[in-house]
Amino acid sequence: MQFVAVLVAAAGAYAFGAVWYMTLAKPWAAAAGVKCDDNGKPLNASAMPFIVSGISVILVAGMMRHVFNMAQIDTVGKGFLAGLGIGVFLVLPWIVTNYAYAGRPRNLTLIDGAYSAIGCTIIGTILTMF
């Protein structure tokens, strides 16, 4: 059952990411420096980022499940707060650090950082529903 919880939690965060990045496609592409054609489609479009993203979100959900089990995080409220905490206080600072050293635009940091924080919150919440 825990494997199913990991897959459902990962799917939830992945689906949120699809909506998030479709909504913010133009500002994200501009901030990331992605060159697009006249229709706004990236010139270097490939399925690889979607595959990598899917695998990555499964790994994050799997590790969060492991940590939640060890810490006895077993209610939706605890899952929400723990997921939010992981996103805001573990993942987001790494993104901010990496983007600061790379000189990436603030908008890119905000868009990607917020996705990470909200995605971890979604994973944490869904994991504790099972």
N, C-alpha and C. Protein backbone atom coordinates (compact mmCIF):
# COMPACT_ATOMS: atom_id res chain seq x y z
N MET A 1 0.82 -1.20 0.00
CA MET A 1 0.00 0.00 0.00
C MET A 1 0.86 1.26 0.00
N GLN A 2 2.01 1.20 0.67
CA GLN A 2 2.88 2.38 0.73
C GLN A 2 3.43 2.75 -0.65
N PHE A 3 3.69 1.73 -1.49
CA PHE A 3 4.18 2.01 -2.84
C PHE A 3 3.12 2.76 -3.64
N VAL A 4 1.88 2.37 -3.47
CA VAL A 4 0.77 3.06 -4.14
C VAL A 4 0.69 4.51 -3.63
N ALA A 5 0.84 4.70 -2.33
CA ALA A 5 0.80 6.05 -1.76
C ALA A 5 1.90 6.92 -2.36
N VAL A 6 3.09 6.36 -2.53
CA VAL A 6 4.20 7.11 -3.13
C VAL A 6 3.86 7.49 -4.57
N LEU A 7 3.31 6.55 -5.33
CA LEU A 7 2.97 6.84 -6.73
C LEU A 7 1.85 7.88 -6.84
N VAL A 8 0.85 7.77 -5.98
CA VAL A 8 -0.25 8.74 -6.02
C VAL A 8 0.24 10.12 -5.60
N ALA A 9 1.07 10.17 -4.55
CA ALA A 9 1.62 11.46 -4.10
C ALA A 9 2.49 12.08 -5.19
N ALA A 10 3.31 11.27 -5.82
CA ALA A 10 4.16 11.76 -6.91
C ALA A 10 3.31 12.25 -8.07
N ALA A 11 2.26 11.51 -8.40
CA ALA A 11 1.37 11.94 -9.49
C ALA A 11 0.69 13.26 -9.15
N GLY A 12 0.31 13.44 -7.90
CA GLY A 12 -0.31 14.69 -7.49
C GLY A 12 0.63 15.87 -7.66
N ALA A 13 1.87 15.72 -7.22
CA ALA A 13 2.85 16.80 -7.37
C ALA A 13 3.19 17.04 -8.84
N TYR A 14 3.28 15.96 -9.61
CA TYR A 14 3.58 16.08 -11.03
C TYR A 14 2.45 16.82 -11.77
N ALA A 15 1.22 16.46 -11.44
CA ALA A 15 0.06 17.12 -12.07
C ALA A 15 0.03 18.60 -11.69
N PHE A 16 0.30 18.90 -10.42
CA PHE A 16 0.37 20.30 -10.02
C PHE A 16 1.45 21.02 -10.83
N GLY A 17 2.60 20.37 -10.99
CA GLY A 17 3.68 20.98 -11.78
C GLY A 17 3.27 21.26 -13.22
N ALA A 18 2.50 20.35 -13.79
CA ALA A 18 2.03 20.57 -15.17
C ALA A 18 1.16 21.81 -15.25
N VAL A 19 0.24 21.96 -14.31
CA VAL A 19 -0.62 23.15 -14.30
C VAL A 19 0.20 24.40 -14.00
N TRP A 20 1.09 24.31 -13.01
CA TRP A 20 1.93 25.44 -12.60
C TRP A 20 2.76 25.97 -13.77
N TYR A 21 3.45 25.07 -14.44
CA TYR A 21 4.34 25.50 -15.52
C TYR A 21 3.60 25.83 -16.81
N MET A 22 2.42 25.26 -17.04
CA MET A 22 1.63 25.68 -18.19
C MET A 22 1.13 27.10 -17.96
N THR A 23 0.71 27.38 -16.74
CA THR A 23 0.22 28.71 -16.40
C THR A 23 1.34 29.75 -16.49
N LEU A 24 2.54 29.37 -16.07
CA LEU A 24 3.66 30.31 -16.00
C LEU A 24 4.68 30.07 -17.11
N ALA A 25 4.25 29.46 -18.21
CA ALA A 25 5.18 29.08 -19.28
C ALA A 25 5.96 30.27 -19.84
N LYS A 26 5.28 31.34 -20.16
CA LYS A 26 5.97 32.49 -20.76
C LYS A 26 6.95 33.15 -19.80
N PRO A 27 6.52 33.49 -18.57
CA PRO A 27 7.51 34.10 -17.67
C PRO A 27 8.64 33.14 -17.29
N TRP A 28 8.33 31.84 -17.19
CA TRP A 28 9.39 30.87 -16.86
C TRP A 28 10.39 30.79 -18.00
N ALA A 29 9.92 30.66 -19.24
CA ALA A 29 10.82 30.57 -20.40
C ALA A 29 11.69 31.82 -20.51
N ALA A 30 11.09 32.98 -20.28
CA ALA A 30 11.86 34.22 -20.34
C ALA A 30 12.93 34.25 -19.25
N ALA A 31 12.56 33.88 -18.04
CA ALA A 31 13.52 33.90 -16.93
C ALA A 31 14.60 32.84 -17.10
N ALA A 32 14.23 31.69 -17.65
CA ALA A 32 15.19 30.60 -17.83
C ALA A 32 16.05 30.78 -19.08
N GLY A 33 15.67 31.73 -19.93
CA GLY A 33 16.43 31.96 -21.15
C GLY A 33 16.19 30.90 -22.21
N VAL A 34 15.01 30.27 -22.16
CA VAL A 34 14.65 29.25 -23.14
C VAL A 34 14.16 29.93 -24.41
N LYS A 35 14.80 29.63 -25.50
CA LYS A 35 14.40 30.22 -26.78
C LYS A 35 13.17 29.51 -27.31
N CYS A 36 12.18 30.30 -27.75
CA CYS A 36 10.92 29.74 -28.23
C CYS A 36 10.64 30.20 -29.65
N ASP A 37 9.79 29.43 -30.35
CA ASP A 37 9.37 29.84 -31.69
C ASP A 37 8.26 30.88 -31.58
N ASP A 38 7.69 31.26 -32.70
CA ASP A 38 6.65 32.30 -32.73
C ASP A 38 5.39 31.91 -31.96
N ASN A 39 5.17 30.60 -31.79
CA ASN A 39 4.00 30.11 -31.06
C ASN A 39 4.27 29.94 -29.56
N GLY A 40 5.49 30.23 -29.12
CA GLY A 40 5.84 30.09 -27.72
C GLY A 40 6.34 28.71 -27.33
N LYS A 41 6.52 27.83 -28.32
CA LYS A 41 7.01 26.47 -28.04
C LYS A 41 8.54 26.50 -28.01
N PRO A 42 9.14 25.88 -26.98
CA PRO A 42 10.61 25.86 -26.92
C PRO A 42 11.23 25.23 -28.16
N LEU A 43 12.31 25.84 -28.62
CA LEU A 43 12.99 25.33 -29.81
C LEU A 43 13.67 23.98 -29.54
N ASN A 44 14.08 23.77 -28.31
CA ASN A 44 14.77 22.53 -27.97
C ASN A 44 13.84 21.53 -27.28
N ALA A 45 12.57 21.51 -27.68
CA ALA A 45 11.57 20.65 -27.04
C ALA A 45 11.97 19.18 -27.12
N SER A 46 11.81 18.49 -26.00
CA SER A 46 12.17 17.09 -25.89
C SER A 46 11.32 16.47 -24.78
N ALA A 47 11.13 15.18 -24.83
CA ALA A 47 10.40 14.47 -23.77
C ALA A 47 11.27 14.23 -22.55
N MET A 48 12.59 14.35 -22.69
CA MET A 48 13.51 14.01 -21.60
C MET A 48 13.23 14.77 -20.30
N PRO A 49 12.97 16.08 -20.31
CA PRO A 49 12.69 16.75 -19.03
C PRO A 49 11.46 16.19 -18.32
N PHE A 50 10.47 15.74 -19.07
CA PHE A 50 9.26 15.17 -18.47
C PHE A 50 9.58 13.82 -17.81
N ILE A 51 10.42 13.04 -18.44
CA ILE A 51 10.83 11.75 -17.90
C ILE A 51 11.66 11.95 -16.63
N VAL A 52 12.63 12.85 -16.70
CA VAL A 52 13.48 13.14 -15.54
C VAL A 52 12.63 13.67 -14.39
N SER A 53 11.70 14.56 -14.70
CA SER A 53 10.81 15.11 -13.68
C SER A 53 9.97 14.03 -13.03
N GLY A 54 9.43 13.13 -13.81
CA GLY A 54 8.62 12.04 -13.28
C GLY A 54 9.41 11.14 -12.34
N ILE A 55 10.61 10.77 -12.75
CA ILE A 55 11.47 9.94 -11.91
C ILE A 55 11.84 10.69 -10.63
N SER A 56 12.18 11.95 -10.78
CA SER A 56 12.59 12.76 -9.62
C SER A 56 11.48 12.90 -8.59
N VAL A 57 10.27 13.16 -9.04
CA VAL A 57 9.17 13.34 -8.09
C VAL A 57 8.83 12.03 -7.39
N ILE A 58 9.03 10.90 -8.06
CA ILE A 58 8.84 9.60 -7.40
C ILE A 58 9.91 9.40 -6.32
N LEU A 59 11.15 9.76 -6.62
CA LEU A 59 12.21 9.64 -5.62
C LEU A 59 11.95 10.54 -4.41
N VAL A 60 11.51 11.76 -4.65
CA VAL A 60 11.20 12.67 -3.54
C VAL A 60 10.06 12.09 -2.69
N ALA A 61 9.00 11.65 -3.35
CA ALA A 61 7.86 11.09 -2.61
C ALA A 61 8.28 9.84 -1.83
N GLY A 62 9.12 9.02 -2.41
CA GLY A 62 9.58 7.82 -1.73
C GLY A 62 10.40 8.14 -0.49
N MET A 63 11.29 9.10 -0.61
CA MET A 63 12.09 9.47 0.56
C MET A 63 11.24 10.16 1.62
N MET A 64 10.31 10.98 1.19
CA MET A 64 9.42 11.62 2.16
C MET A 64 8.59 10.57 2.90
N ARG A 65 8.14 9.54 2.21
CA ARG A 65 7.39 8.47 2.87
C ARG A 65 8.25 7.79 3.92
N HIS A 66 9.50 7.53 3.57
CA HIS A 66 10.42 6.90 4.51
C HIS A 66 10.62 7.78 5.75
N VAL A 67 10.87 9.05 5.54
CA VAL A 67 11.07 9.99 6.65
C VAL A 67 9.80 10.09 7.49
N PHE A 68 8.65 10.18 6.83
CA PHE A 68 7.38 10.27 7.55
C PHE A 68 7.17 9.04 8.43
N ASN A 69 7.46 7.86 7.91
CA ASN A 69 7.30 6.64 8.70
C ASN A 69 8.23 6.65 9.91
N MET A 70 9.47 7.05 9.72
CA MET A 70 10.42 7.09 10.83
C MET A 70 10.02 8.13 11.88
N ALA A 71 9.47 9.25 11.43
CA ALA A 71 9.10 10.34 12.35
C ALA A 71 7.66 10.21 12.85
N GLN A 72 6.97 9.17 12.43
CA GLN A 72 5.58 8.93 12.81
C GLN A 72 4.67 10.11 12.44
N ILE A 73 4.88 10.62 11.25
CA ILE A 73 4.00 11.66 10.70
C ILE A 73 2.86 10.91 10.04
N ASP A 74 1.69 10.90 10.68
CA ASP A 74 0.63 9.99 10.27
C ASP A 74 -0.75 10.62 10.15
N THR A 75 -0.83 11.94 10.22
CA THR A 75 -2.12 12.60 10.00
C THR A 75 -1.96 13.58 8.83
N VAL A 76 -3.08 13.93 8.24
CA VAL A 76 -3.03 14.86 7.10
C VAL A 76 -2.45 16.21 7.53
N GLY A 77 -2.81 16.68 8.70
CA GLY A 77 -2.27 17.95 9.18
C GLY A 77 -0.76 17.91 9.34
N LYS A 78 -0.26 16.81 9.94
CA LYS A 78 1.18 16.65 10.10
C LYS A 78 1.86 16.50 8.73
N GLY A 79 1.22 15.78 7.83
CA GLY A 79 1.79 15.60 6.50
C GLY A 79 1.88 16.90 5.74
N PHE A 80 0.82 17.72 5.86
CA PHE A 80 0.82 19.03 5.23
C PHE A 80 1.98 19.88 5.76
N LEU A 81 2.08 19.98 7.08
CA LEU A 81 3.12 20.82 7.69
C LEU A 81 4.53 20.29 7.43
N ALA A 82 4.69 18.97 7.51
CA ALA A 82 6.00 18.39 7.24
C ALA A 82 6.39 18.58 5.78
N GLY A 83 5.45 18.38 4.87
CA GLY A 83 5.72 18.60 3.45
C GLY A 83 6.08 20.05 3.17
N LEU A 84 5.31 20.96 3.76
CA LEU A 84 5.61 22.38 3.60
C LEU A 84 6.99 22.70 4.16
N GLY A 85 7.29 22.17 5.33
CA GLY A 85 8.60 22.41 5.94
C GLY A 85 9.74 21.87 5.09
N ILE A 86 9.58 20.68 4.55
CA ILE A 86 10.61 20.11 3.68
C ILE A 86 10.80 20.99 2.45
N GLY A 87 9.70 21.40 1.86
CA GLY A 87 9.79 22.24 0.67
C GLY A 87 10.42 23.60 0.94
N VAL A 88 9.96 24.26 2.00
CA VAL A 88 10.42 25.63 2.28
C VAL A 88 11.80 25.66 2.93
N PHE A 89 12.09 24.70 3.81
CA PHE A 89 13.33 24.78 4.58
C PHE A 89 14.44 23.83 4.15
N LEU A 90 14.15 22.90 3.24
CA LEU A 90 15.19 22.02 2.71
C LEU A 90 15.40 22.22 1.21
N VAL A 91 14.34 22.09 0.43
CA VAL A 91 14.47 22.16 -1.03
C VAL A 91 14.68 23.60 -1.51
N LEU A 92 13.84 24.51 -1.07
CA LEU A 92 13.91 25.90 -1.54
C LEU A 92 15.28 26.53 -1.29
N PRO A 93 15.88 26.37 -0.11
CA PRO A 93 17.20 26.98 0.08
C PRO A 93 18.27 26.46 -0.89
N TRP A 94 18.19 25.19 -1.27
CA TRP A 94 19.16 24.66 -2.25
C TRP A 94 18.95 25.31 -3.61
N ILE A 95 17.69 25.47 -4.00
CA ILE A 95 17.39 26.13 -5.27
C ILE A 95 17.90 27.56 -5.25
N VAL A 96 17.60 28.28 -4.17
CA VAL A 96 18.04 29.67 -4.05
C VAL A 96 19.57 29.75 -4.12
N THR A 97 20.25 28.86 -3.42
CA THR A 97 21.72 28.86 -3.42
C THR A 97 22.27 28.60 -4.82
N ASN A 98 21.75 27.56 -5.47
CA ASN A 98 22.23 27.22 -6.82
C ASN A 98 21.98 28.35 -7.80
N TYR A 99 20.80 28.94 -7.75
CA TYR A 99 20.46 30.01 -8.68
C TYR A 99 21.25 31.28 -8.38
N ALA A 100 21.54 31.52 -7.11
CA ALA A 100 22.33 32.70 -6.75
C ALA A 100 23.74 32.59 -7.32
N TYR A 101 24.37 31.43 -7.15
CA TYR A 101 25.72 31.24 -7.70
C TYR A 101 25.73 31.30 -9.22
N ALA A 102 24.67 30.81 -9.85
CA ALA A 102 24.59 30.81 -11.31
C ALA A 102 24.14 32.15 -11.87
N GLY A 103 23.75 33.07 -10.99
CA GLY A 103 23.29 34.37 -11.45
C GLY A 103 21.95 34.30 -12.18
N ARG A 104 21.12 33.35 -11.79
CA ARG A 104 19.82 33.18 -12.45
C ARG A 104 18.86 34.28 -11.99
N PRO A 105 17.90 34.64 -12.82
CA PRO A 105 16.96 35.72 -12.47
C PRO A 105 16.08 35.37 -11.27
N ARG A 106 15.70 36.41 -10.55
CA ARG A 106 14.84 36.25 -9.37
C ARG A 106 13.52 35.58 -9.73
N ASN A 107 12.94 35.94 -10.90
CA ASN A 107 11.66 35.33 -11.29
C ASN A 107 11.77 33.82 -11.45
N LEU A 108 12.89 33.35 -11.96
CA LEU A 108 13.09 31.91 -12.11
C LEU A 108 13.16 31.25 -10.74
N THR A 109 13.86 31.88 -9.82
CA THR A 109 13.95 31.36 -8.46
C THR A 109 12.56 31.30 -7.82
N LEU A 110 11.77 32.33 -8.01
CA LEU A 110 10.43 32.36 -7.43
C LEU A 110 9.53 31.28 -8.02
N ILE A 111 9.55 31.15 -9.33
CA ILE A 111 8.69 30.17 -10.00
C ILE A 111 9.09 28.74 -9.62
N ASP A 112 10.37 28.42 -9.75
CA ASP A 112 10.82 27.06 -9.45
C ASP A 112 10.79 26.77 -7.95
N GLY A 113 11.14 27.76 -7.15
CA GLY A 113 11.13 27.57 -5.70
C GLY A 113 9.73 27.36 -5.15
N ALA A 114 8.78 28.13 -5.64
CA ALA A 114 7.41 27.97 -5.19
C ALA A 114 6.86 26.60 -5.60
N TYR A 115 7.20 26.16 -6.81
CA TYR A 115 6.76 24.83 -7.24
C TYR A 115 7.30 23.75 -6.29
N SER A 116 8.56 23.86 -5.94
CA SER A 116 9.16 22.87 -5.04
C SER A 116 8.48 22.86 -3.68
N ALA A 117 8.23 24.03 -3.14
CA ALA A 117 7.59 24.11 -1.82
C ALA A 117 6.16 23.57 -1.86
N ILE A 118 5.41 23.98 -2.86
CA ILE A 118 4.02 23.52 -2.98
C ILE A 118 3.98 22.03 -3.34
N GLY A 119 4.88 21.60 -4.22
CA GLY A 119 4.93 20.18 -4.59
C GLY A 119 5.21 19.29 -3.40
N CYS A 120 6.15 19.67 -2.55
CA CYS A 120 6.44 18.88 -1.34
C CYS A 120 5.24 18.89 -0.39
N THR A 121 4.55 20.01 -0.32
CA THR A 121 3.35 20.08 0.52
C THR A 121 2.28 19.12 0.02
N ILE A 122 2.10 19.08 -1.28
CA ILE A 122 1.13 18.16 -1.89
C ILE A 122 1.54 16.71 -1.60
N ILE A 123 2.81 16.40 -1.79
CA ILE A 123 3.28 15.03 -1.52
C ILE A 123 3.02 14.67 -0.06
N GLY A 124 3.41 15.55 0.85
CA GLY A 124 3.22 15.27 2.27
C GLY A 124 1.77 15.05 2.64
N THR A 125 0.91 15.85 2.07
CA THR A 125 -0.51 15.73 2.37
C THR A 125 -1.06 14.41 1.83
N ILE A 126 -0.75 14.08 0.60
CA ILE A 126 -1.27 12.85 0.00
C ILE A 126 -0.71 11.61 0.69
N LEU A 127 0.56 11.62 1.03
CA LEU A 127 1.15 10.45 1.70
C LEU A 127 0.42 10.10 2.99
N THR A 128 -0.07 11.10 3.69
CA THR A 128 -0.72 10.82 4.99
C THR A 128 -2.21 10.52 4.83
N MET A 129 -2.70 10.51 3.63
CA MET A 129 -4.11 10.13 3.39
C MET A 129 -4.25 8.61 3.30
N PHE A 130 -3.15 7.90 3.18
CA PHE A 130 -3.19 6.44 3.00
C PHE A 130 -2.98 5.74 4.32
